[in-house]
Amino acid sequence: MYYPHDFRMVRGELHCERVPLRRIAEAVGTPVYVYSYRTLVGHLRKLQTAFRALRPLICFSVKANGNLAILRLLVRHGAGLDVVSGGELYKALRVGCPASRIVFASVGKTPAEIRSAIQAGIFCFNVESAPELEVIDTIARKMHSRVRVALRINPNVEAHTHRYIRTGVAESKFGIDPHTALDLLRHHEAFPGVRLIGLHLHIGSQISEARPFVQAITRVAGLLVRARRSGAPLDWLNVGGGLGIIYRDERPQTPQAFAKAVLPLLSPLRVRLILEPGRFIVGNAGVLVTEVLYVKRSRGKQFAVVDAGMNDLLRPALYGAYHEVAPETQDAGRRMQDYDVVGPVCESADVLARDRRLPQLEPGERLAVLGAGAYGSTMASNYNGRLRPAEVLVRGSRWALIRKRDTLQDLVRHDVIPKALLS
């Protein structure tokens, strides 16, 4: 079994850094997300070191994990933030991220979000279409501003990942085709409210090799050169995120290998670099701890029914994603059996893991779903009236709650019963 980075068995107990997961679960209950400080900082530093020749602006992708403590931690270690909504922009400013290190993506920015971002003075918008560029230009001029913009290019490159997280192919909703982009760049003076400063790529997520990035950068390099000949002052290239991690037996490229593959393409372009990593930094920095409620046998199959479900970790139900499942304690004397690890949600898709070889389980024992730091808590919901889980950050031998578990009052906090209509 692959234990990610700072999660390991110590004297028969699964630890995060130097804290047994048992101690956390007993104190705050389950389900609970547990994150490693050391892994978060270590992965950010690996990218900073690998690309230091280009003085990169590394903007952590807030959609991967939006917990305020994690965002503040990364910002204090030099990261910027990549946001995709007004809510994520609010979080970025709330944790003290300098506006000069915030980039705003999203294929559907609202006028209100655009105004808020301009007022905040963000570094740049990643623009997804000609109509969006026109709206940003109009709003900026009305606000007597001139804002920085990078055009997101759809290079039509196959990233060889799950179809739901491929974003650089022609049929995707994301980005601008190169022909349209070149026309916009050649006529950049028609948009006096914006300053076109660069190009943006994001071809997908959980990409394990450099080849798709090399293809995309190569295609965009030609566009950048032609646009510069037309007078477009393009000084930045944002190559997005998407670096893969190990969930099971993947062999993803290291930051050093990635940099070695793409730096020779970037250096001749004389550009400043932006990266937007999310999963690479936080994916294997977190686990979801859950308790076994029942062990059920049906038609020759065994189910471990746990108190975490698809509302807590959606990836297995949405993508068929694989996450290793590890017992909280290790006992070599117990017989191994096959289990489907399933949650309590009233959906057949509520399966966290299928056909897993685990020690014989009993109610009250706890399991850890590994590699759950990215797109876990941010995609959690209150479906079935369930309370979203608590979150904990561990640093060495210390740990702290960084998100309280929902309460029943949270479930109805914003509901309104209109007496005039229901009397």
Foldseek 3Di string as FASTA:
>chain_A
DDQFDQWDADPFFTDRFAAGPVVVCVVANDFEKEFELCLLLVLVVQLCVLPVVQPAAEAAECLFPVQLVSLLSVQVSRHHHEEAALVSVVSRVVSPRQLQSYEYEYADYDLVSLVVNVVSPHNEYAYWDPVRLVSSLVSLVVVVAEHEYAFEEQDQFDLPDFPVFFARHPPHSGGDYLVVVLVCLLVVVVRRNYQYAAYEYDGGAQRADQVSLLSSLVSVLVSLVSSVVSPRNHAEYEDEEHFHDDQDPGHGDGSNRNSVRCVVSVVVSNHRYYYHYYLSSFQQRMKTKWFFADWDDDPRAIEGEIADWCLQFVCCLPRVDHWDKAWRGDDPPFDWDFYFYAYDAPDPSTTRHHGDTYGDDDGGTMMIGGRQGTRGQSNHDCPVNNKHHWYKYDYNHDIDTSGRIDDSCVSCVPDDDDPVVVD
